Amino acid sequence: SFVINLAMDNSGLPGTIIETFILADVPSFQTI
């Protein structure tokens, strides 16, 4: 389970989250 967030910038650091994606089937080998 991985959470990927797209966020605004807040003074050079991640800020308010714009959209969230949840992945639950990432394979055991590198894949896009």
Full PDB file with SEQRES, HELIX, SHEET, SSBOND, CRYST1, ORIGX, SCALE, CONECT and MASTER records, all heavy atoms in Angstrom:
SEQRES   1 A   32  SER PHE VAL ILE ASN LEU ALA MET ASP ASN SER GLY LEU          
SEQRES   2 A   32  PRO GLY THR ILE ILE GLU THR PHE ILE LEU ALA ASP VAL          
SEQRES   3 A   32  PRO SER PHE GLN THR ILE                                      
SHEET    1 AA1 2 PHE A   2  ASN A  10  0                                        
SHEET    2 AA1 2 LEU A  13  LEU A  23 -1                                        
CRYST1    1.000    1.000    1.000  90.00  90.00  90.00 P 1           1          
ORIGX1      1.000000  0.000000  0.000000        0.00000                         
ORIGX2      0.000000  1.000000  0.000000        0.00000                         
ORIGX3      0.000000  0.000000  1.000000        0.00000                         
SCALE1      1.000000  0.000000  0.000000        0.00000                         
SCALE2      0.000000  1.000000  0.000000        0.00000                         
SCALE3      0.000000  0.000000  1.000000        0.00000                         
ATOM      1  N   SER A   1       0.840  -1.192   0.000  1.00  0.00           N  
ATOM      2  CA  SER A   1       0.000   0.000   0.000  1.00  0.00           C  
ATOM      3  C   SER A   1       0.879   1.247   0.000  1.00  0.00           C  
ATOM      4  O   SER A   1       1.738   1.405   0.882  1.00  0.00           O  
ATOM      5  CB  SER A   1      -0.916   0.010   1.227  1.00  0.00           C  
ATOM      6  OG  SER A   1      -1.715   1.181   1.249  1.00  0.00           O  
ATOM      7  N   PHE A   2       0.663   2.097  -0.984  1.00  0.00           N  
ATOM      8  CA  PHE A   2       1.416   3.344  -1.102  1.00  0.00           C  
ATOM      9  C   PHE A   2       0.440   4.499  -1.327  1.00  0.00           C  
ATOM     10  O   PHE A   2      -0.549   4.360  -2.032  1.00  0.00           O  
ATOM     11  CB  PHE A   2       2.415   3.279  -2.264  1.00  0.00           C  
ATOM     12  CG  PHE A   2       3.484   2.243  -2.081  1.00  0.00           C  
ATOM     13  CD1 PHE A   2       3.257   0.918  -2.443  1.00  0.00           C  
ATOM     14  CD2 PHE A   2       4.710   2.582  -1.534  1.00  0.00           C  
ATOM     15  CE1 PHE A   2       4.231  -0.047  -2.262  1.00  0.00           C  
ATOM     16  CE2 PHE A   2       5.698   1.624  -1.352  1.00  0.00           C  
ATOM     17  CZ  PHE A   2       5.457   0.307  -1.719  1.00  0.00           C  
ATOM     18  N   VAL A   3       0.762   5.632  -0.711  1.00  0.00           N  
ATOM     19  CA  VAL A   3      -0.045   6.838  -0.859  1.00  0.00           C  
ATOM     20  C   VAL A   3       0.776   7.862  -1.625  1.00  0.00           C  
ATOM     21  O   VAL A   3       1.893   8.206  -1.226  1.00  0.00           O  
ATOM     22  CB  VAL A   3      -0.444   7.421   0.512  1.00  0.00           C  
ATOM     23  CG1 VAL A   3      -1.251   8.704   0.329  1.00  0.00           C  
ATOM     24  CG2 VAL A   3      -1.237   6.398   1.309  1.00  0.00           C  
ATOM     25  N   ILE A   4       0.235   8.327  -2.746  1.00  0.00           N  
ATOM     26  CA  ILE A   4       0.910   9.351  -3.551  1.00  0.00           C  
ATOM     27  C   ILE A   4       0.057  10.608  -3.511  1.00  0.00           C  
ATOM     28  O   ILE A   4      -1.128  10.581  -3.862  1.00  0.00           O  
ATOM     29  CB  ILE A   4       1.123   8.877  -5.010  1.00  0.00           C  
ATOM     30  CG1 ILE A   4       2.125   7.720  -5.060  1.00  0.00           C  
ATOM     31  CG2 ILE A   4       1.660  10.017  -5.864  1.00  0.00           C  
ATOM     32  CD1 ILE A   4       1.532   6.366  -4.904  1.00  0.00           C  
ATOM     33  N   ASN A   5       0.663  11.690  -3.056  1.00  0.00           N  
ATOM     34  CA  ASN A   5      -0.042  12.965  -2.951  1.00  0.00           C  
ATOM     35  C   ASN A   5       0.539  13.990  -3.907  1.00  0.00           C  
ATOM     36  O   ASN A   5       1.761  14.094  -4.046  1.00  0.00           O  
ATOM     37  CB  ASN A   5       0.063  13.536  -1.527  1.00  0.00           C  
ATOM     38  CG  ASN A   5      -0.667  12.701  -0.499  1.00  0.00           C  
ATOM     39  OD1 ASN A   5      -1.743  12.170  -0.769  1.00  0.00           O  
ATOM     40  ND2 ASN A   5      -0.086  12.577   0.686  1.00  0.00           N  
ATOM     41  N   LEU A   6      -0.326  14.763  -4.537  1.00  0.00           N  
ATOM     42  CA  LEU A   6       0.070  15.958  -5.259  1.00  0.00           C  
ATOM     43  C   LEU A   6      -0.236  17.114  -4.320  1.00  0.00           C  
ATOM     44  O   LEU A   6      -1.362  17.249  -3.846  1.00  0.00           O  
ATOM     45  CB  LEU A   6      -0.722  16.097  -6.555  1.00  0.00           C  
ATOM     46  CG  LEU A   6      -0.496  17.381  -7.359  1.00  0.00           C  
ATOM     47  CD1 LEU A   6       0.928  17.440  -7.892  1.00  0.00           C  
ATOM     48  CD2 LEU A   6      -1.485  17.489  -8.503  1.00  0.00           C  
ATOM     49  N   ALA A   7       0.787  17.932  -4.024  1.00  0.00           N  
ATOM     50  CA  ALA A   7       0.619  18.974  -3.011  1.00  0.00           C  
ATOM     51  C   ALA A   7       1.087  20.333  -3.511  1.00  0.00           C  
ATOM     52  O   ALA A   7       1.941  20.436  -4.398  1.00  0.00           O  
ATOM     53  CB  ALA A   7       1.372  18.593  -1.739  1.00  0.00           C  
ATOM     54  N   MET A   8       0.522  21.373  -2.911  1.00  0.00           N  
ATOM     55  CA  MET A   8       0.975  22.734  -3.140  1.00  0.00           C  
ATOM     56  C   MET A   8       2.327  22.929  -2.458  1.00  0.00           C  
ATOM     57  O   MET A   8       2.737  22.121  -1.617  1.00  0.00           O  
ATOM     58  CB  MET A   8      -0.041  23.736  -2.575  1.00  0.00           C  
ATOM     59  CG  MET A   8      -1.433  23.631  -3.146  1.00  0.00           C  
ATOM     60  SD  MET A   8      -1.559  24.312  -4.814  1.00  0.00           S  
ATOM     61  CE  MET A   8      -1.404  26.066  -4.468  1.00  0.00           C  
ATOM     62  N   ASP A   9       3.007  24.014  -2.816  1.00  0.00           N  
ATOM     63  CA  ASP A   9       4.249  24.381  -2.141  1.00  0.00           C  
ATOM     64  C   ASP A   9       3.942  25.344  -1.008  1.00  0.00           C  
ATOM     65  O   ASP A   9       3.125  26.248  -1.144  1.00  0.00           O  
ATOM     66  CB  ASP A   9       5.216  25.040  -3.131  1.00  0.00           C  
ATOM     67  CG  ASP A   9       6.531  25.425  -2.470  1.00  0.00           C  
ATOM     68  OD1 ASP A   9       7.402  24.537  -2.340  1.00  0.00           O  
ATOM     69  OD2 ASP A   9       6.682  26.599  -2.080  1.00  0.00           O  
ATOM     70  N   ASN A  10       4.601  25.124   0.131  1.00  0.00           N  
ATOM     71  CA  ASN A  10       4.426  25.993   1.282  1.00  0.00           C  
ATOM     72  C   ASN A  10       5.794  26.442   1.781  1.00  0.00           C  
ATOM     73  O   ASN A  10       6.452  25.741   2.541  1.00  0.00           O  
ATOM     74  CB  ASN A  10       3.664  25.278   2.398  1.00  0.00           C  
ATOM     75  CG  ASN A  10       3.446  26.162   3.617  1.00  0.00           C  
ATOM     76  OD1 ASN A  10       3.521  27.383   3.534  1.00  0.00           O  
ATOM     77  ND2 ASN A  10       3.187  25.540   4.756  1.00  0.00           N  
ATOM     78  N   SER A  11       6.252  27.566   1.265  1.00  0.00           N  
ATOM     79  CA  SER A  11       7.555  28.120   1.666  1.00  0.00           C  
ATOM     80  C   SER A  11       8.687  27.126   1.459  1.00  0.00           C  
ATOM     81  O   SER A  11       9.560  26.964   2.311  1.00  0.00           O  
ATOM     82  CB  SER A  11       7.508  28.581   3.130  1.00  0.00           C  
ATOM     83  OG  SER A  11       6.511  29.562   3.323  1.00  0.00           O  
ATOM     84  N   GLY A  12       8.656  26.437   0.312  1.00  0.00           N  
ATOM     85  CA  GLY A  12       9.741  25.522  -0.021  1.00  0.00           C  
ATOM     86  C   GLY A  12       9.600  24.124   0.540  1.00  0.00           C  
ATOM     87  O   GLY A  12      10.525  23.310   0.431  1.00  0.00           O  
ATOM     88  N   LEU A  13       8.449  23.807   1.106  1.00  0.00           N  
ATOM     89  CA  LEU A  13       8.160  22.468   1.624  1.00  0.00           C  
ATOM     90  C   LEU A  13       6.782  22.029   1.145  1.00  0.00           C  
ATOM     91  O   LEU A  13       5.950  22.869   0.776  1.00  0.00           O  
ATOM     92  CB  LEU A  13       8.203  22.456   3.154  1.00  0.00           C  
ATOM     93  CG  LEU A  13       9.572  22.546   3.818  1.00  0.00           C  
ATOM     94  CD1 LEU A  13       9.415  22.732   5.324  1.00  0.00           C  
ATOM     95  CD2 LEU A  13      10.415  21.309   3.514  1.00  0.00           C  
ATOM     96  N   PRO A  14       6.509  20.712   1.146  1.00  0.00           N  
ATOM     97  CA  PRO A  14       5.171  20.253   0.754  1.00  0.00           C  
ATOM     98  C   PRO A  14       4.087  20.872   1.639  1.00  0.00           C  
ATOM     99  O   PRO A  14       4.241  20.936   2.868  1.00  0.00           O  
ATOM    100  CB  PRO A  14       5.256  18.733   0.958  1.00  0.00           C  
ATOM    101  CG  PRO A  14       6.707  18.421   0.793  1.00  0.00           C  
ATOM    102  CD  PRO A  14       7.427  19.587   1.390  1.00  0.00           C  
ATOM    103  N   GLY A  15       3.022  21.349   0.992  1.00  0.00           N  
ATOM    104  CA  GLY A  15       1.947  22.011   1.726  1.00  0.00           C  
ATOM    105  C   GLY A  15       0.619  21.308   1.563  1.00  0.00           C  
ATOM    106  O   GLY A  15       0.527  20.079   1.678  1.00  0.00           O  
ATOM    107  N   THR A  16      -0.412  22.084   1.270  1.00  0.00           N  
ATOM    108  CA  THR A  16      -1.775  21.552   1.157  1.00  0.00           C  
ATOM    109  C   THR A  16      -1.886  20.517   0.051  1.00  0.00           C  
ATOM    110  O   THR A  16      -1.411  20.734  -1.067  1.00  0.00           O  
ATOM    111  CB  THR A  16      -2.768  22.699   0.868  1.00  0.00           C  
ATOM    112  OG1 THR A  16      -2.662  23.681   1.909  1.00  0.00           O  
ATOM    113  CG2 THR A  16      -4.197  22.178   0.797  1.00  0.00           C  
ATOM    114  N   ILE A  17      -2.492  19.387   0.355  1.00  0.00           N  
ATOM    115  CA  ILE A  17      -2.652  18.305  -0.621  1.00  0.00           C  
ATOM    116  C   ILE A  17      -3.772  18.653  -1.602  1.00  0.00           C  
ATOM    117  O   ILE A  17      -4.868  19.037  -1.201  1.00  0.00           O  
ATOM    118  CB  ILE A  17      -2.948  16.975   0.081  1.00  0.00           C  
ATOM    119  CG1 ILE A  17      -1.725  16.547   0.915  1.00  0.00           C  
ATOM    120  CG2 ILE A  17      -3.315  15.885  -0.926  1.00  0.00           C  
ATOM    121  CD1 ILE A  17      -1.973  15.331   1.779  1.00  0.00           C  
ATOM    122  N   ILE A  18      -3.470  18.509  -2.892  1.00  0.00           N  
ATOM    123  CA  ILE A  18      -4.434  18.807  -3.950  1.00  0.00           C  
ATOM    124  C   ILE A  18      -5.224  17.562  -4.342  1.00  0.00           C  
ATOM    125  O   ILE A  18      -6.433  17.609  -4.543  1.00  0.00           O  
ATOM    126  CB  ILE A  18      -3.717  19.368  -5.194  1.00  0.00           C  
ATOM    127  CG1 ILE A  18      -2.915  20.615  -4.826  1.00  0.00           C  
ATOM    128  CG2 ILE A  18      -4.709  19.672  -6.312  1.00  0.00           C  
ATOM    129  CD1 ILE A  18      -2.033  21.108  -5.949  1.00  0.00           C  
ATOM    130  N   GLU A  19      -4.521  16.432  -4.478  1.00  0.00           N  
ATOM    131  CA  GLU A  19      -5.171  15.166  -4.841  1.00  0.00           C  
ATOM    132  C   GLU A  19      -4.347  14.005  -4.301  1.00  0.00           C  
ATOM    133  O   GLU A  19      -3.119  14.076  -4.247  1.00  0.00           O  
ATOM    134  CB  GLU A  19      -5.345  15.034  -6.352  1.00  0.00           C  
ATOM    135  CG  GLU A  19      -6.156  13.810  -6.756  1.00  0.00           C  
ATOM    136  CD  GLU A  19      -6.592  13.803  -8.217  1.00  0.00           C  
ATOM    137  OE1 GLU A  19      -6.144  14.690  -8.984  1.00  0.00           O  
ATOM    138  OE2 GLU A  19      -7.380  12.916  -8.603  1.00  0.00           O  
ATOM    139  N   THR A  20      -5.043  12.955  -3.896  1.00  0.00           N  
ATOM    140  CA  THR A  20      -4.398  11.766  -3.328  1.00  0.00           C  
ATOM    141  C   THR A  20      -4.712  10.543  -4.169  1.00  0.00           C  
ATOM    142  O   THR A  20      -5.838  10.358  -4.633  1.00  0.00           O  
ATOM    143  CB  THR A  20      -4.883  11.526  -1.884  1.00  0.00           C  
ATOM    144  OG1 THR A  20      -4.463  12.628  -1.058  1.00  0.00           O  
ATOM    145  CG2 THR A  20      -4.300  10.241  -1.316  1.00  0.00           C  
ATOM    146  N   PHE A  21      -3.702   9.694  -4.355  1.00  0.00           N  
ATOM    147  CA  PHE A  21      -3.841   8.439  -5.093  1.00  0.00           C  
ATOM    148  C   PHE A  21      -3.392   7.294  -4.176  1.00  0.00           C  
ATOM    149  O   PHE A  21      -2.412   7.430  -3.448  1.00  0.00           O  
ATOM    150  CB  PHE A  21      -2.970   8.441  -6.353  1.00  0.00           C  
ATOM    151  CG  PHE A  21      -3.204   9.610  -7.266  1.00  0.00           C  
ATOM    152  CD1 PHE A  21      -2.533  10.810  -7.063  1.00  0.00           C  
ATOM    153  CD2 PHE A  21      -4.095   9.519  -8.327  1.00  0.00           C  
ATOM    154  CE1 PHE A  21      -2.743  11.894  -7.902  1.00  0.00           C  
ATOM    155  CE2 PHE A  21      -4.315  10.595  -9.175  1.00  0.00           C  
ATOM    156  CZ  PHE A  21      -3.631  11.787  -8.958  1.00  0.00           C  
ATOM    157  N   ILE A  22      -4.104   6.185  -4.234  1.00  0.00           N  
ATOM    158  CA  ILE A  22      -3.763   5.010  -3.433  1.00  0.00           C  
ATOM    159  C   ILE A  22      -3.396   3.852  -4.368  1.00  0.00           C  
ATOM    160  O   ILE A  22      -4.155   3.530  -5.284  1.00  0.00           O  
ATOM    161  CB  ILE A  22      -4.933   4.567  -2.527  1.00  0.00           C  
ATOM    162  CG1 ILE A  22      -5.420   5.742  -1.662  1.00  0.00           C  
ATOM    163  CG2 ILE A  22      -4.506   3.393  -1.661  1.00  0.00           C  
ATOM    164  CD1 ILE A  22      -4.415   6.236  -0.656  1.00  0.00           C  
ATOM    165  N   LEU A  23      -2.237   3.254  -4.125  1.00  0.00           N  
ATOM    166  CA  LEU A  23      -1.814   2.077  -4.890  1.00  0.00           C  
ATOM    167  C   LEU A  23      -1.718   0.885  -3.954  1.00  0.00           C  
ATOM    168  O   LEU A  23      -1.117   0.979  -2.878  1.00  0.00           O  
ATOM    169  CB  LEU A  23      -0.456   2.326  -5.556  1.00  0.00           C  
ATOM    170  CG  LEU A  23      -0.433   3.235  -6.785  1.00  0.00           C  
ATOM    171  CD1 LEU A  23       1.006   3.456  -7.238  1.00  0.00           C  
ATOM    172  CD2 LEU A  23      -1.248   2.630  -7.920  1.00  0.00           C  
ATOM    173  N   ALA A  24      -2.280  -0.245  -4.375  1.00  0.00           N  
ATOM    174  CA  ALA A  24      -2.272  -1.429  -3.518  1.00  0.00           C  
ATOM    175  C   ALA A  24      -1.814  -2.681  -4.258  1.00  0.00           C  
ATOM    176  O   ALA A  24      -1.941  -3.787  -3.740  1.00  0.00           O  
ATOM    177  CB  ALA A  24      -3.664  -1.661  -2.933  1.00  0.00           C  
ATOM    178  N   ASP A  25      -1.291  -2.522  -5.462  1.00  0.00           N  
ATOM    179  CA  ASP A  25      -0.882  -3.702  -6.232  1.00  0.00           C  
ATOM    180  C   ASP A  25       0.467  -3.466  -6.907  1.00  0.00           C  
ATOM    181  O   ASP A  25       0.697  -3.901  -8.033  1.00  0.00           O  
ATOM    182  CB  ASP A  25      -1.942  -4.062  -7.272  1.00  0.00           C  
ATOM    183  CG  ASP A  25      -2.264  -2.898  -8.200  1.00  0.00           C  
ATOM    184  OD1 ASP A  25      -1.740  -1.790  -7.968  1.00  0.00           O  
ATOM    185  OD2 ASP A  25      -3.039  -3.094  -9.155  1.00  0.00           O  
ATOM    186  N   VAL A  26       1.383  -2.787  -6.217  1.00  0.00           N  
ATOM    187  CA  VAL A  26       2.710  -2.524  -6.767  1.00  0.00           C  
ATOM    188  C   VAL A  26       3.502  -3.829  -6.775  1.00  0.00           C  
ATOM    189  O   VAL A  26       3.615  -4.500  -5.741  1.00  0.00           O  
ATOM    190  CB  VAL A  26       3.450  -1.462  -5.927  1.00  0.00           C  
ATOM    191  CG1 VAL A  26       4.871  -1.253  -6.445  1.00  0.00           C  
ATOM    192  CG2 VAL A  26       2.672  -0.147  -5.955  1.00  0.00           C  
ATOM    193  N   PRO A  27       4.075  -4.231  -7.921  1.00  0.00           N  
ATOM    194  CA  PRO A  27       4.798  -5.513  -7.998  1.00  0.00           C  
ATOM    195  C   PRO A  27       6.147  -5.479  -7.270  1.00  0.00           C  
ATOM    196  O   PRO A  27       6.618  -4.415  -6.847  1.00  0.00           O  
ATOM    197  CB  PRO A  27       4.987  -5.717  -9.501  1.00  0.00           C  
ATOM    198  CG  PRO A  27       4.945  -4.344 -10.074  1.00  0.00           C  
ATOM    199  CD  PRO A  27       3.997  -3.566  -9.226  1.00  0.00           C  
ATOM    200  N   SER A  28       6.762  -6.646  -7.151  1.00  0.00           N  
ATOM    201  CA  SER A  28       8.048  -6.779  -6.461  1.00  0.00           C  
ATOM    202  C   SER A  28       9.222  -6.539  -7.401  1.00  0.00           C  
ATOM    203  O   SER A  28      10.344  -6.942  -7.111  1.00  0.00           O  
ATOM    204  CB  SER A  28       8.156  -8.170  -5.825  1.00  0.00           C  
ATOM    205  OG  SER A  28       8.015  -9.182  -6.819  1.00  0.00           O  
ATOM    206  N   PHE A  29       8.963  -5.938  -8.530  1.00  0.00           N  
ATOM    207  CA  PHE A  29      10.013  -5.513  -9.451  1.00  0.00           C  
ATOM    208  C   PHE A  29       9.660  -4.096  -9.910  1.00  0.00           C  
ATOM    209  O   PHE A  29       8.495  -3.692  -9.884  1.00  0.00           O  
ATOM    210  CB  PHE A  29      10.125  -6.463 -10.648  1.00  0.00           C  
ATOM    211  CG  PHE A  29       8.836  -6.677 -11.386  1.00  0.00           C  
ATOM    212  CD1 PHE A  29       8.448  -5.852 -12.432  1.00  0.00           C  
ATOM    213  CD2 PHE A  29       7.991  -7.720 -11.016  1.00  0.00           C  
ATOM    214  CE1 PHE A  29       7.248  -6.050 -13.104  1.00  0.00           C  
ATOM    215  CE2 PHE A  29       6.781  -7.925 -11.684  1.00  0.00           C  
ATOM    216  CZ  PHE A  29       6.418  -7.096 -12.727  1.00  0.00           C  
ATOM    217  N   GLN A  30      10.701  -3.329 -10.316  1.00  0.00           N  
ATOM    218  CA  GLN A  30      10.463  -1.936 -10.689  1.00  0.00           C  
ATOM    219  C   GLN A  30       9.525  -1.842 -11.884  1.00  0.00           C  
ATOM    220  O   GLN A  30       9.761  -2.475 -12.900  1.00  0.00           O  
ATOM    221  CB  GLN A  30      11.780  -1.242 -11.026  1.00  0.00           C  
ATOM    222  CG  GLN A  30      12.810  -1.285  -9.911  1.00  0.00           C  
ATOM    223  CD  GLN A  30      13.847  -2.363 -10.151  1.00  0.00           C  
ATOM    224  OE1 GLN A  30      13.512  -3.472 -10.550  1.00  0.00           O  
ATOM    225  NE2 GLN A  30      15.106  -2.046  -9.898  1.00  0.00           N  
ATOM    226  N   THR A  31       8.494  -1.047 -11.739  1.00  0.00           N  
ATOM    227  CA  THR A  31       7.559  -0.857 -12.846  1.00  0.00           C  
ATOM    228  C   THR A  31       6.978   0.549 -12.785  1.00  0.00           C  
ATOM    229  O   THR A  31       6.899   1.150 -11.703  1.00  0.00           O  
ATOM    230  CB  THR A  31       6.422  -1.896 -12.793  1.00  0.00           C  
ATOM    231  OG1 THR A  31       5.625  -1.796 -13.972  1.00  0.00           O  
ATOM    232  CG2 THR A  31       5.531  -1.676 -11.584  1.00  0.00           C  
ATOM    233  N   ILE A  32       6.586   1.072 -13.924  1.00  0.00           N  
ATOM    234  CA  ILE A  32       5.978   2.399 -13.981  1.00  0.00           C  
ATOM    235  C   ILE A  32       4.478   2.277 -13.742  1.00  0.00           C  
ATOM    236  O   ILE A  32       3.775   1.594 -14.482  1.00  0.00           O  
ATOM    237  CB  ILE A  32       6.248   3.070 -15.341  1.00  0.00           C  
ATOM    238  CG1 ILE A  32       7.756   3.275 -15.546  1.00  0.00           C  
ATOM    239  CG2 ILE A  32       5.524   4.410 -15.427  1.00  0.00           C  
ATOM    240  CD1 ILE A  32       8.112   3.830 -16.916  1.00  0.00           C  
TER     241      ILE A  32                                                      
MASTER        0    0    0    0    2    0    0    6  240    1    0    3          
END                                                                             
